[in-house]
C-alpha atoms as a PDB file:
ATOM      1  CA  MET A   1      -3.225   7.495 -20.647  1.00  0.00           C
ATOM      2  CA  VAL A   2      -6.521   7.905 -21.135  1.00  0.00           C
ATOM      3  CA  GLU A   3      -6.370   7.159 -24.880  1.00  0.00           C
ATOM      4  CA  ARG A   4      -4.352   4.163 -24.287  1.00  0.00           C
ATOM      5  CA  THR A   5      -6.455   2.353 -21.669  1.00  0.00           C
ATOM      6  CA  GLY A   6      -9.726   3.619 -23.213  1.00  0.00           C
ATOM      7  CA  ILE A   7     -10.927   4.109 -19.928  1.00  0.00           C
ATOM      8  CA  PHE A   8     -13.365   6.989 -20.834  1.00  0.00           C
ATOM      9  CA  HIS A   9     -14.555   5.264 -23.939  1.00  0.00           C
ATOM     10  CA  HIS A  10     -15.382   2.229 -21.608  1.00  0.00           C
ATOM     11  CA  VAL A  11     -17.493   4.415 -19.329  1.00  0.00           C
ATOM     12  CA  CYS A  12     -19.141   6.738 -21.779  1.00  0.00           C
ATOM     13  CA  ARG A  13     -19.753   4.367 -24.780  1.00  0.00           C
ATOM     14  CA  ARG A  14     -23.227   4.168 -26.391  1.00  0.00           C
ATOM     15  CA  LYS A  15     -24.945   1.682 -28.688  1.00  0.00           C
ATOM     16  CA  SER A  16     -24.174   2.058 -32.384  1.00  0.00           C
ATOM     17  CA  ILE A  17     -27.185   2.716 -34.974  1.00  0.00           C
ATOM     18  CA  SER A  18     -27.595   0.585 -37.708  1.00  0.00           C
ATOM     19  CA  PRO A  19     -28.031   2.060 -40.955  1.00  0.00           C
ATOM     20  CA  PRO A  20     -31.919   2.813 -41.916  1.00  0.00           C
ATOM     21  CA  GLN A  21     -33.772   0.102 -44.201  1.00  0.00           C
ATOM     22  CA  THR A  22     -36.855   0.546 -46.389  1.00  0.00           C
ATOM     23  CA  ALA A  23     -40.147  -1.226 -45.715  1.00  0.00           C
ATOM     24  CA  GLY A  24     -39.116  -3.764 -48.290  1.00  0.00           C
ATOM     25  CA  GLY A  25     -35.937  -4.591 -46.618  1.00  0.00           C
ATOM     26  CA  GLY A  26     -33.690  -2.724 -49.218  1.00  0.00           C
ATOM     27  CA  SER A  27     -31.332   0.042 -48.557  1.00  0.00           C
ATOM     28  CA  ALA A  28     -32.808   3.604 -47.769  1.00  0.00           C
ATOM     29  CA  SER A  29     -33.104   6.081 -50.888  1.00  0.00           C
ATOM     30  CA  PHE A  30     -30.808   9.026 -51.397  1.00  0.00           C
ATOM     31  CA  CYS A  31     -32.775  11.214 -49.532  1.00  0.00           C
ATOM     32  CA  HIS A  32     -33.357   8.909 -46.664  1.00  0.00           C
ATOM     33  CA  VAL A  33     -29.427   8.371 -46.489  1.00  0.00           C
ATOM     34  CA  LEU A  34     -28.762  11.808 -46.740  1.00  0.00           C
ATOM     35  CA  VAL A  35     -31.338  12.835 -43.951  1.00  0.00           C
ATOM     36  CA  HIS A  36     -30.081   9.527 -41.810  1.00  0.00           C
ATOM     37  CA  GLY A  37     -26.619  10.657 -42.436  1.00  0.00           C
ATOM     38  CA  GLN A  38     -27.311  14.139 -40.871  1.00  0.00           C
ATOM     39  CA  HIS A  39     -28.972  12.548 -38.029  1.00  0.00           C
ATOM     40  CA  GLN A  40     -26.547  10.333 -37.406  1.00  0.00           C
ATOM     41  CA  GLN A  41     -23.536  13.107 -37.416  1.00  0.00           C
ATOM     42  CA  ILE A  42     -25.797  14.844 -34.853  1.00  0.00           C
ATOM     43  CA  ARG A  43     -25.954  11.717 -32.878  1.00  0.00           C
ATOM     44  CA  THR A  44     -22.424  11.285 -33.102  1.00  0.00           C
ATOM     45  CA  ASN A  45     -21.822  15.241 -32.104  1.00  0.00           C
ATOM     46  CA  ARG A  46     -23.808  14.413 -29.162  1.00  0.00           C
ATOM     47  CA  ARG A  47     -22.226  11.173 -28.333  1.00  0.00           C
ATOM     48  CA  ARG A  48     -18.760  12.907 -28.714  1.00  0.00           C
ATOM     49  CA  ALA A  49     -20.307  16.263 -26.161  1.00  0.00           C
ATOM     50  CA  ARG A  50     -21.503  13.603 -23.613  1.00  0.00           C
ATOM     51  CA  ALA A  51     -18.171  11.765 -23.668  1.00  0.00           C
ATOM     52  CA  ALA A  52     -16.439  15.145 -23.279  1.00  0.00           C
ATOM     53  CA  SER A  53     -18.574  15.949 -20.603  1.00  0.00           C
ATOM     54  CA  CYS A  54     -18.316  12.545 -18.784  1.00  0.00           C
ATOM     55  CA  SER A  55     -14.449  13.251 -18.524  1.00  0.00           C
ATOM     56  CA  ARG A  56     -15.503  16.491 -16.930  1.00  0.00           C
ATOM     57  CA  SER A  57     -17.789  15.493 -14.802  1.00  0.00           C
ATOM     58  CA  ASN A  58     -17.644  15.240 -11.004  1.00  0.00           C
ATOM     59  CA  LEU A  59     -16.102  11.908 -10.047  1.00  0.00           C
ATOM     60  CA  SER A  60     -18.919  10.678  -7.929  1.00  0.00           C
ATOM     61  CA  ASP A  61     -20.687  10.265 -11.544  1.00  0.00           C
ATOM     62  CA  VAL A  62     -18.179   7.337 -12.485  1.00  0.00           C
ATOM     63  CA  HIS A  63     -18.925   3.877 -11.473  1.00  0.00           C
ATOM     64  CA  PRO A  64     -16.773   2.850  -8.417  1.00  0.00           C
ATOM     65  CA  ALA A  65     -15.427  -0.132 -10.088  1.00  0.00           C
ATOM     66  CA  VAL A  66     -14.223   2.473 -13.020  1.00  0.00           C
ATOM     67  CA  MET A  67     -12.832   4.923 -10.629  1.00  0.00           C
ATOM     68  CA  ALA A  68     -10.673   2.531  -8.655  1.00  0.00           C
ATOM     69  CA  PHE A  69      -9.520   1.135 -12.211  1.00  0.00           C
ATOM     70  CA  LEU A  70      -8.415   4.879 -12.813  1.00  0.00           C
ATOM     71  CA  CYS A  71      -6.436   5.397  -9.511  1.00  0.00           C
ATOM     72  CA  ARG A  72      -4.672   2.090  -9.828  1.00  0.00           C
ATOM     73  CA  SER A  73      -3.678   3.372 -13.369  1.00  0.00           C
ATOM     74  CA  ALA A  74      -2.669   6.489 -12.614  1.00  0.00           C
ATOM     75  CA  ALA A  75      -0.882   5.237  -9.461  1.00  0.00           C
ATOM     76  CA  SER A  76       1.406   2.739 -11.604  1.00  0.00           C
ATOM     77  CA  LEU A  77       2.329   5.194 -14.023  1.00  0.00           C
ATOM     78  CA  LEU A  78       3.044   7.926 -11.605  1.00  0.00           C
ATOM     79  CA  LYS A  79       5.227   5.593  -9.404  1.00  0.00           C
ATOM     80  CA  PRO A  80       8.458   5.784 -11.871  1.00  0.00           C
ATOM     81  CA  TYR A  81       8.085   9.641 -11.637  1.00  0.00           C
ATOM     82  CA  GLN A  82       8.017   9.941  -7.780  1.00  0.00           C
ATOM     83  CA  ALA A  83      11.719   9.237  -7.023  1.00  0.00           C
ATOM     84  CA  ALA A  84      13.651  12.323  -8.109  1.00  0.00           C
ATOM     85  CA  PRO A  85      16.278  12.013  -9.783  1.00  0.00           C
ATOM     86  CA  ALA A  86      18.712  12.519  -7.115  1.00  0.00           C
ATOM     87  CA  VAL A  87      17.550  10.248  -5.059  1.00  0.00           C
ATOM     88  CA  LEU A  88      18.006   7.477  -7.636  1.00  0.00           C
ATOM     89  CA  SER A  89      21.296   8.972  -7.873  1.00  0.00           C
ATOM     90  CA  ALA A  90      22.028   8.686  -4.719  1.00  0.00           C
ATOM     91  CA  ALA A  91      20.818   5.104  -4.407  1.00  0.00           C
ATOM     92  CA  ARG A  92      23.198   4.293  -7.106  1.00  0.00           C
ATOM     93  CA  LEU A  93      26.181   5.810  -5.305  1.00  0.00           C
ATOM     94  CA  TYR A  94      25.587   3.997  -2.068  1.00  0.00           C
ATOM     95  CA  SER A  95      24.605   0.745  -3.494  1.00  0.00           C
ATOM     96  CA  SER A  96      28.136   0.584  -5.337  1.00  0.00           C
ATOM     97  CA  GLY A  97      29.710   1.532  -1.896  1.00  0.00           C
ATOM     98  CA  GLY A  98      29.965   5.328  -2.804  1.00  0.00           C
ATOM     99  CA  ASN A  99      32.139   7.509  -4.812  1.00  0.00           C
ATOM    100  CA  TYR A 100      31.795  10.615  -3.314  1.00  0.00           C
ATOM    101  CA  GLU A 101      34.279  13.109  -3.414  1.00  0.00           C
ATOM    102  CA  HIS A 102      34.118  14.952  -0.482  1.00  0.00           C
ATOM    103  CA  ILE A 103      32.625  12.462   1.998  1.00  0.00           C
ATOM    104  CA  LEU A 104      32.859   8.896   3.136  1.00  0.00           C
ATOM    105  CA  VAL A 105      29.814   6.609   3.557  1.00  0.00           C
ATOM    106  CA  GLU A 106      29.081   3.281   5.069  1.00  0.00           C
ATOM    107  CA  LYS A 107      26.743   1.353   7.507  1.00  0.00           C
ATOM    108  CA  ARG A 108      28.100   0.738  11.191  1.00  0.00           C
ATOM    109  CA  GLY A 109      26.741  -0.957  14.533  1.00  0.00           C
ATOM    110  CA  GLU A 110      26.262  -4.693  15.094  1.00  0.00           C
ATOM    111  CA  LYS A 111      23.577  -5.231  12.551  1.00  0.00           C
ATOM    112  CA  LYS A 112      24.649  -2.460  10.353  1.00  0.00           C
ATOM    113  CA  ASN A 113      21.458   0.017  10.968  1.00  0.00           C
ATOM    114  CA  VAL A 114      23.214   3.193  11.453  1.00  0.00           C
ATOM    115  CA  GLY A 115      23.800   5.422   8.461  1.00  0.00           C
ATOM    116  CA  PHE A 116      27.304   6.470   8.653  1.00  0.00           C
ATOM    117  CA  ILE A 117      28.425   9.985   7.098  1.00  0.00           C
ATOM    118  CA  GLN A 118      32.070  11.499   7.271  1.00  0.00           C
ATOM    119  CA  LEU A 119      32.874  14.864   6.245  1.00  0.00           C
ATOM    120  CA  ASN A 120      36.072  14.326   4.197  1.00  0.00           C
ATOM    121  CA  ARG A 121      37.815  17.647   3.197  1.00  0.00           C
ATOM    122  CA  PRO A 122      41.041  17.492   5.662  1.00  0.00           C
ATOM    123  CA  LYS A 123      43.092  19.876   3.809  1.00  0.00           C
ATOM    124  CA  ALA A 124      40.419  22.597   4.390  1.00  0.00           C
ATOM    125  CA  LEU A 125      39.233  21.214   7.779  1.00  0.00           C
ATOM    126  CA  ASN A 126      36.241  20.111   6.103  1.00  0.00           C
ATOM    127  CA  ALA A 127      34.826  23.648   5.200  1.00  0.00           C
ATOM    128  CA  LEU A 128      31.465  23.178   3.651  1.00  0.00           C
ATOM    129  CA  CYS A 129      31.545  23.464  -0.145  1.00  0.00           C
ATOM    130  CA  ASP A 130      28.437  23.215  -2.413  1.00  0.00           C
ATOM    131  CA  GLY A 131      29.540  19.915  -3.618  1.00  0.00           C
ATOM    132  CA  LEU A 132      30.182  18.337   0.021  1.00  0.00           C
ATOM    133  CA  MET A 133      26.727  19.610   0.621  1.00  0.00           C
ATOM    134  CA  LYS A 134      24.959  17.725  -2.398  1.00  0.00           C
ATOM    135  CA  GLU A 135      26.798  14.863  -1.385  1.00  0.00           C
ATOM    136  CA  VAL A 136      25.608  14.903   2.374  1.00  0.00           C
ATOM    137  CA  GLY A 137      22.122  15.025   0.778  1.00  0.00           C
ATOM    138  CA  GLN A 138      22.765  12.390  -1.537  1.00  0.00           C
ATOM    139  CA  ALA A 139      23.928   9.899   1.146  1.00  0.00           C
ATOM    140  CA  LEU A 140      20.914  11.267   3.567  1.00  0.00           C
ATOM    141  CA  ASP A 141      18.298  10.268   0.544  1.00  0.00           C
ATOM    142  CA  ALA A 142      20.020   6.653   0.109  1.00  0.00           C
ATOM    143  CA  PHE A 143      20.042   5.978   4.050  1.00  0.00           C
ATOM    144  CA  GLU A 144      16.243   7.525   3.921  1.00  0.00           C
ATOM    145  CA  ALA A 145      15.697   4.774   1.368  1.00  0.00           C
ATOM    146  CA  ASP A 146      17.057   1.947   3.196  1.00  0.00           C
ATOM    147  CA  GLY A 147      14.696  -0.182   5.241  1.00  0.00           C
ATOM    148  CA  ASP A 148      17.576  -1.432   7.308  1.00  0.00           C
ATOM    149  CA  VAL A 149      18.627   2.009   8.598  1.00  0.00           C
ATOM    150  CA  GLY A 150      17.302   3.667  11.359  1.00  0.00           C
ATOM    151  CA  ALA A 151      19.187   6.686  12.207  1.00  0.00           C
ATOM    152  CA  VAL A 152      22.059   8.748  10.798  1.00  0.00           C
ATOM    153  CA  VAL A 153      25.637   9.686  12.347  1.00  0.00           C
ATOM    154  CA  ILE A 154      27.193  12.621  10.756  1.00  0.00           C
ATOM    155  CA  THR A 155      30.707  13.765  11.859  1.00  0.00           C
ATOM    156  CA  GLY A 156      33.809  14.842  10.587  1.00  0.00           C
ATOM    157  CA  SER A 157      37.618  14.737  12.127  1.00  0.00           C
ATOM    158  CA  GLU A 158      39.155  14.841  15.464  1.00  0.00           C
ATOM    159  CA  LYS A 159      40.374  18.131  14.134  1.00  0.00           C
ATOM    160  CA  ALA A 160      37.442  19.570  12.816  1.00  0.00           C
ATOM    161  CA  PHE A 161      33.830  18.768  12.562  1.00  0.00           C
ATOM    162  CA  ALA A 162      33.459  21.464   9.884  1.00  0.00           C
ATOM    163  CA  ALA A 163      35.073  24.885  10.586  1.00  0.00           C
ATOM    164  CA  GLY A 164      32.565  26.568   8.329  1.00  0.00           C
ATOM    165  CA  ALA A 165      31.645  27.231   4.523  1.00  0.00           C
ATOM    166  CA  ASP A 166      33.953  27.503   1.997  1.00  0.00           C
ATOM    167  CA  ILE A 167      34.433  31.464   1.823  1.00  0.00           C
ATOM    168  CA  LYS A 168      36.606  31.306  -1.371  1.00  0.00           C
ATOM    169  CA  GLU A 169      33.848  29.693  -3.115  1.00  0.00           C
ATOM    170  CA  MET A 170      31.029  32.270  -2.265  1.00  0.00           C
ATOM    171  CA  GLN A 171      33.699  35.248  -2.042  1.00  0.00           C
ATOM    172  CA  ASN A 172      32.892  36.579  -5.852  1.00  0.00           C
ATOM    173  CA  ARG A 173      29.041  36.105  -5.585  1.00  0.00           C
ATOM    174  CA  THR A 174      26.846  38.687  -6.415  1.00  0.00           C
ATOM    175  CA  PHE A 175      23.477  39.394  -4.591  1.00  0.00           C
ATOM    176  CA  GLN A 176      21.381  38.248  -7.947  1.00  0.00           C
ATOM    177  CA  GLU A 177      23.241  35.121  -7.880  1.00  0.00           C
ATOM    178  CA  CYS A 178      22.330  34.276  -4.325  1.00  0.00           C
ATOM    179  CA  TYR A 179      18.976  35.448  -4.229  1.00  0.00           C
ATOM    180  CA  GLY A 180      18.124  34.298  -7.900  1.00  0.00           C
ATOM    181  CA  GLY A 181      19.633  31.303  -7.130  1.00  0.00           C
ATOM    182  CA  ASN A 182      18.273  30.684  -3.552  1.00  0.00           C
ATOM    183  CA  PHE A 183      21.756  30.488  -2.734  1.00  0.00           C
ATOM    184  CA  LEU A 184      22.105  27.787   0.428  1.00  0.00           C
ATOM    185  CA  ALA A 185      18.729  26.303   0.013  1.00  0.00           C
ATOM    186  CA  HIS A 186      19.506  22.570  -0.361  1.00  0.00           C
ATOM    187  CA  TRP A 187      21.685  22.731   2.767  1.00  0.00           C
ATOM    188  CA  ASN A 188      18.799  22.603   4.736  1.00  0.00           C
ATOM    189  CA  ARG A 189      18.104  19.053   3.694  1.00  0.00           C
ATOM    190  CA  VAL A 190      19.656  17.357   6.578  1.00  0.00           C
ATOM    191  CA  SER A 191      16.781  19.104   8.767  1.00  0.00           C
ATOM    192  CA  THR A 192      13.997  17.488   6.640  1.00  0.00           C
ATOM    193  CA  VAL A 193      15.252  13.992   6.821  1.00  0.00           C
ATOM    194  CA  LYS A 194      12.519  11.477   8.384  1.00  0.00           C
ATOM    195  CA  LYS A 195      15.096   9.319  10.029  1.00  0.00           C
ATOM    196  CA  PRO A 196      17.003  10.648  13.554  1.00  0.00           C
ATOM    197  CA  VAL A 197      20.029  12.267  12.327  1.00  0.00           C
ATOM    198  CA  ILE A 198      23.139  12.690  15.207  1.00  0.00           C
ATOM    199  CA  ALA A 199      26.063  14.865  15.263  1.00  0.00           C
ATOM    200  CA  ALA A 200      29.271  13.581  16.291  1.00  0.00           C
ATOM    201  CA  VAL A 201      31.116  17.224  16.857  1.00  0.00           C
ATOM    202  CA  ASN A 202      35.102  16.955  17.338  1.00  0.00           C
ATOM    203  CA  GLY A 203      36.938  20.217  17.318  1.00  0.00           C
ATOM    204  CA  PHE A 204      35.727  23.278  15.240  1.00  0.00           C
ATOM    205  CA  ALA A 205      32.091  23.528  14.457  1.00  0.00           C
ATOM    206  CA  LEU A 206      32.331  26.900  13.318  1.00  0.00           C
ATOM    207  CA  GLY A 207      29.792  28.868  11.104  1.00  0.00           C
ATOM    208  CA  GLY A 208      28.390  26.356   8.575  1.00  0.00           C
ATOM    209  CA  GLY A 209      29.848  24.004  10.808  1.00  0.00           C
ATOM    210  CA  CYS A 210      27.637  24.946  13.941  1.00  0.00           C
ATOM    211  CA  GLU A 211      24.631  25.398  11.726  1.00  0.00           C
ATOM    212  CA  LEU A 212      25.102  21.669  10.287  1.00  0.00           C
ATOM    213  CA  ALA A 213      25.087  20.185  13.610  1.00  0.00           C
ATOM    214  CA  MET A 214      22.324  22.327  14.777  1.00  0.00           C
ATOM    215  CA  MET A 215      20.162  20.761  11.510  1.00  0.00           C
ATOM    216  CA  CYS A 216      20.628  17.470  13.608  1.00  0.00           C
ATOM    217  CA  ASP A 217      18.546  16.319  16.070  1.00  0.00           C
ATOM    218  CA  ILE A 218      20.860  15.264  18.549  1.00  0.00           C
ATOM    219  CA  ILE A 219      24.210  16.716  19.460  1.00  0.00           C
ATOM    220  CA  TYR A 220      27.023  14.743  20.953  1.00  0.00           C
ATOM    221  CA  ALA A 221      30.364  16.801  21.573  1.00  0.00           C
ATOM    222  CA  GLY A 222      33.951  15.743  21.993  1.00  0.00           C
ATOM    223  CA  GLU A 223      35.721  17.589  24.994  1.00  0.00           C
ATOM    224  CA  LYS A 224      37.751  19.925  22.416  1.00  0.00           C
ATOM    225  CA  ALA A 225      34.980  20.465  20.656  1.00  0.00           C
ATOM    226  CA  GLN A 226      34.163  24.516  19.447  1.00  0.00           C
ATOM    227  CA  PHE A 227      31.252  26.282  18.706  1.00  0.00           C
ATOM    228  CA  GLY A 228      30.629  29.502  17.064  1.00  0.00           C
ATOM    229  CA  GLN A 229      29.243  31.590  14.663  1.00  0.00           C
ATOM    230  CA  PRO A 230      31.758  34.106  13.196  1.00  0.00           C
ATOM    231  CA  GLU A 231      30.196  35.545  10.328  1.00  0.00           C
ATOM    232  CA  ILE A 232      30.317  38.986  11.540  1.00  0.00           C
ATOM    233  CA  LEU A 233      33.944  39.109  11.317  1.00  0.00           C
ATOM    234  CA  LEU A 234      33.740  38.431   7.855  1.00  0.00           C
ATOM    235  CA  GLY A 235      31.010  41.470   6.996  1.00  0.00           C
ATOM    236  CA  THR A 236      28.114  38.780   7.002  1.00  0.00           C
ATOM    237  CA  ILE A 237      25.843  37.010   9.253  1.00  0.00           C
ATOM    238  CA  PRO A 238      24.852  33.511   9.392  1.00  0.00           C
ATOM    239  CA  GLY A 239      22.911  32.102   6.406  1.00  0.00           C
ATOM    240  CA  SER A 240      21.792  28.655   7.183  1.00  0.00           C
ATOM    241  CA  GLY A 241      19.937  28.853  10.303  1.00  0.00           C
ATOM    242  CA  GLY A 242      22.240  29.931  12.699  1.00  0.00           C
ATOM    243  CA  THR A 243      20.593  32.908  13.889  1.00  0.00           C
ATOM    244  CA  GLN A 244      17.233  30.763  14.001  1.00  0.00           C
ATOM    245  CA  ARG A 245      18.307  27.526  15.888  1.00  0.00           C
ATOM    246  CA  LEU A 246      20.821  28.653  17.909  1.00  0.00           C
ATOM    247  CA  THR A 247      18.333  31.420  19.321  1.00  0.00           C
ATOM    248  CA  ARG A 248      16.318  28.336  20.412  1.00  0.00           C
ATOM    249  CA  ALA A 249      18.905  26.222  21.456  1.00  0.00           C
ATOM    250  CA  VAL A 250      20.777  28.345  24.227  1.00  0.00           C
ATOM    251  CA  GLY A 251      18.306  31.494  24.034  1.00  0.00           C
ATOM    252  CA  LYS A 252      18.925  34.976  22.970  1.00  0.00           C
ATOM    253  CA  SER A 253      21.590  36.817  25.224  1.00  0.00           C
ATOM    254  CA  LEU A 254      24.372  33.832  24.268  1.00  0.00           C
ATOM    255  CA  ALA A 255      23.260  33.602  20.745  1.00  0.00           C
ATOM    256  CA  MET A 256      23.243  37.300  20.239  1.00  0.00           C
ATOM    257  CA  GLU A 257      26.680  37.129  22.260  1.00  0.00           C
ATOM    258  CA  MET A 258      28.302  34.563  19.864  1.00  0.00           C
ATOM    259  CA  VAL A 259      26.524  36.099  16.602  1.00  0.00           C
ATOM    260  CA  LEU A 260      27.346  39.645  17.225  1.00  0.00           C
ATOM    261  CA  THR A 261      31.080  39.238  18.475  1.00  0.00           C
ATOM    262  CA  GLY A 262      32.010  36.045  16.829  1.00  0.00           C
ATOM    263  CA  ASP A 263      33.018  34.347  20.089  1.00  0.00           C
ATOM    264  CA  ARG A 264      33.177  30.660  20.742  1.00  0.00           C
ATOM    265  CA  ILE A 265      31.963  28.417  23.464  1.00  0.00           C
ATOM    266  CA  GLY A 266      33.285  24.857  24.308  1.00  0.00           C
ATOM    267  CA  ALA A 267      32.006  21.661  24.960  1.00  0.00           C
ATOM    268  CA  GLN A 268      31.045  21.906  28.312  1.00  0.00           C
ATOM    269  CA  GLU A 269      29.526  25.405  28.019  1.00  0.00           C
ATOM    270  CA  ALA A 270      27.322  24.381  24.909  1.00  0.00           C
ATOM    271  CA  LYS A 271      26.263  21.377  27.104  1.00  0.00           C
ATOM    272  CA  GLN A 272      25.150  23.984  29.936  1.00  0.00           C
ATOM    273  CA  SER A 273      23.501  26.145  27.766  1.00  0.00           C
ATOM    274  CA  GLY A 274      21.645  23.069  26.230  1.00  0.00           C
ATOM    275  CA  LEU A 275      23.266  23.199  22.698  1.00  0.00           C
ATOM    276  CA  VAL A 276      24.933  19.616  23.066  1.00  0.00           C
ATOM    277  CA  SER A 277      23.278  16.717  24.924  1.00  0.00           C
ATOM    278  CA  LYS A 278      26.446  14.765  25.933  1.00  0.00           C
ATOM    279  CA  VAL A 279      30.190  15.295  25.964  1.00  0.00           C
ATOM    280  CA  TYR A 280      32.727  12.571  25.621  1.00  0.00           C
ATOM    281  CA  PRO A 281      36.243  11.891  25.462  1.00  0.00           C
ATOM    282  CA  VAL A 282      37.454  12.533  21.805  1.00  0.00           C
ATOM    283  CA  ASP A 283      38.498   9.102  20.937  1.00  0.00           C
ATOM    284  CA  GLN A 284      34.866   7.638  22.167  1.00  0.00           C
ATOM    285  CA  LEU A 285      32.856  10.006  20.771  1.00  0.00           C
ATOM    286  CA  VAL A 286      32.147   8.584  17.509  1.00  0.00           C
ATOM    287  CA  SER A 287      31.313   5.231  18.791  1.00  0.00           C
ATOM    288  CA  GLU A 288      29.226   6.617  21.455  1.00  0.00           C
ATOM    289  CA  ALA A 289      27.057   8.560  18.715  1.00  0.00           C
ATOM    290  CA  VAL A 290      26.871   5.143  16.714  1.00  0.00           C
ATOM    291  CA  LYS A 291      25.593   3.449  19.860  1.00  0.00           C
ATOM    292  CA  CYS A 292      23.056   5.761  20.396  1.00  0.00           C
ATOM    293  CA  GLY A 293      21.972   5.528  16.886  1.00  0.00           C
ATOM    294  CA  GLU A 294      21.578   1.765  17.284  1.00  0.00           C
ATOM    295  CA  LYS A 295      19.547   2.255  20.298  1.00  0.00           C
ATOM    296  CA  ILE A 296      17.233   4.365  18.074  1.00  0.00           C
ATOM    297  CA  ALA A 297      17.204   2.096  15.265  1.00  0.00           C
ATOM    298  CA  ALA A 298      16.037  -0.982  17.697  1.00  0.00           C
ATOM    299  CA  ASN A 299      12.877   0.910  18.197  1.00  0.00           C
ATOM    300  CA  SER A 300       9.796   1.210  15.325  1.00  0.00           C
ATOM    301  CA  LYS A 301      11.240   3.468  12.369  1.00  0.00           C
ATOM    302  CA  LEU A 302       7.718   4.483  11.693  1.00  0.00           C
ATOM    303  CA  VAL A 303       7.121   5.631  15.275  1.00  0.00           C
ATOM    304  CA  SER A 304      10.480   7.170  15.495  1.00  0.00           C
ATOM    305  CA  ALA A 305       9.592   9.417  12.696  1.00  0.00           C
ATOM    306  CA  MET A 306       6.435  10.549  14.180  1.00  0.00           C
ATOM    307  CA  ALA A 307       7.864  10.981  17.625  1.00  0.00           C
ATOM    308  CA  LYS A 308      10.629  13.507  15.725  1.00  0.00           C
ATOM    309  CA  GLU A 309       7.764  14.785  14.109  1.00  0.00           C
ATOM    310  CA  ALA A 310       6.065  15.655  17.328  1.00  0.00           C
ATOM    311  CA  VAL A 311       9.418  17.167  19.218  1.00  0.00           C
ATOM    312  CA  ASN A 312      10.396  19.464  16.151  1.00  0.00           C
ATOM    313  CA  ALA A 313       6.696  20.927  15.735  1.00  0.00           C
ATOM    314  CA  ALA A 314       7.442  22.409  19.529  1.00  0.00           C
ATOM    315  CA  PHE A 315       9.646  24.799  17.850  1.00  0.00           C
ATOM    316  CA  GLU A 316       6.960  25.673  15.374  1.00  0.00           C
ATOM    317  CA  LEU A 317       3.644  25.805  17.475  1.00  0.00           C
ATOM    318  CA  THR A 318       1.816  27.461  19.918  1.00  0.00           C
ATOM    319  CA  LEU A 319       1.553  25.037  23.190  1.00  0.00           C
ATOM    320  CA  ALA A 320      -2.200  23.872  22.302  1.00  0.00           C
ATOM    321  CA  GLU A 321      -1.390  23.420  18.617  1.00  0.00           C
ATOM    322  CA  GLY A 322       1.390  21.389  19.566  1.00  0.00           C
ATOM    323  CA  ASN A 323      -0.457  19.301  22.186  1.00  0.00           C
ATOM    324  CA  ARG A 324      -3.126  18.736  19.728  1.00  0.00           C
ATOM    325  CA  LEU A 325      -0.471  17.702  16.790  1.00  0.00           C
ATOM    326  CA  GLU A 326       1.153  15.008  19.482  1.00  0.00           C
ATOM    327  CA  LYS A 327      -2.448  13.987  20.276  1.00  0.00           C
ATOM    328  CA  ARG A 328      -3.298  13.312  16.759  1.00  0.00           C
ATOM    329  CA  LEU A 329       0.327  11.293  16.052  1.00  0.00           C
ATOM    330  CA  PHE A 330      -0.147   9.525  19.345  1.00  0.00           C
ATOM    331  CA  HIS A 331      -3.610   8.374  18.259  1.00  0.00           C
ATOM    332  CA  ALA A 332      -2.036   7.549  14.729  1.00  0.00           C
ATOM    333  CA  THR A 333       0.187   5.204  16.749  1.00  0.00           C
ATOM    334  CA  PHE A 334      -3.095   2.819  17.369  1.00  0.00           C
ATOM    335  CA  ALA A 335      -3.211   1.858  13.643  1.00  0.00           C
ATOM    336  CA  THR A 336       0.483   0.372  13.469  1.00  0.00           C
ATOM    337  CA  ASP A 337       1.108  -2.980  14.084  1.00  0.00           C
ATOM    338  CA  ASP A 338       4.359  -2.002  15.880  1.00  0.00           C
ATOM    339  CA  ARG A 339       2.114  -0.192  18.830  1.00  0.00           C
ATOM    340  CA  LYS A 340       0.071  -3.558  19.107  1.00  0.00           C
ATOM    341  CA  GLU A 341       3.291  -5.705  19.381  1.00  0.00           C
ATOM    342  CA  GLY A 342       5.216  -2.923  22.049  1.00  0.00           C
ATOM    343  CA  MET A 343       2.239  -3.123  24.278  1.00  0.00           C
ATOM    344  CA  THR A 344       1.772  -6.889  23.802  1.00  0.00           C
ATOM    345  CA  ALA A 345       5.496  -7.635  24.497  1.00  0.00           C
ATOM    346  CA  PHE A 346       5.395  -5.308  27.423  1.00  0.00           C
ATOM    347  CA  VAL A 347       2.476  -7.382  29.200  1.00  0.00           C
ATOM    348  CA  GLU A 348       3.861 -10.926  28.088  1.00  0.00           C
ATOM    349  CA  LYS A 349       7.739  -9.530  29.655  1.00  0.00           C
ATOM    350  CA  ARG A 350       9.360 -10.053  26.716  1.00  0.00           C
ATOM    351  CA  LYS A 351      11.399  -7.977  24.078  1.00  0.00           C
ATOM    352  CA  ALA A 352       9.312  -6.577  21.581  1.00  0.00           C
ATOM    353  CA  SER A 353      10.092  -7.142  17.663  1.00  0.00           C
ATOM    354  CA  PHE A 354       9.051  -4.259  15.491  1.00  0.00           C
ATOM    355  CA  GLN A 355       8.577  -4.434  11.939  1.00  0.00           C
ATOM    356  CA  ASP A 356       8.276  -0.840  10.745  1.00  0.00           C
ATOM    357  CA  ASN A 357       4.534  -1.636   9.961  1.00  0.00           C
END
């Protein structure tokens, strides 16, 4: 980039020195030329040294206009590389209607502003294979980049949200493969999405299925939903957040009981323990989850992301640190047009029209 733009040459250029002349205006003698040539070489070396020094010098020594040009050039060159291949691939899949193998992807709601992902391995009760989780990540990347989408719903079938991880797929894995390859690391993508994610759980949410639901921001359950972490019955333990998120959601005693016995809890008990926020009839669950997504999507997407960050921080920070982060994010909303619009609309007794900036 530097050689093509020649910007450092522009910053560090020096006036060239004309060849020496004799007093009579003619060319210098051989000795003069030789001496001049040596001097010229020394000057050239000095210029190169100064140029190299300039490129290594403190940025404060560079003229502001030149620095601005450098920043713009660097930004324009880096832009094509900021989008990871997985994100670009996901965008292509999404824009083409989604040629996914293990999931169904679409946009729902009256304004088509709710991303919708349905796990679709009915013969395996939506068991979470590696390919399915990669596709979920790709779909989430696409919805994250879609400016029209304000929330995402993840669901399965009426019989099973996800009955667990695909045991046949992991049965013969070795410790070296799991540890060296950081097995299941990419499953965490659901929990890192900036846009709110709602799990609509019908039927079984066991093992990895329960963990997937807990990665989401809100869990709605159908009346017949069942939650559990039965990994202990297979001679292993939860590996994608089960021991951590479940304990934070329902408390130590119930989490210990579920993890150590493999016992399940139903929808109502899950709601009473704080794992689930609402319970609906099986046939109404998905539509209610989409309605919740529409409510969220109607707000400022920018401010929703700030609110989500603040709430999630409560699980990681002390009360004092959490309050400090909340205050900073609250102050940050005053730099947005949406905060101004929201308060102005309230004072003027009209509905706010958020522009997500």
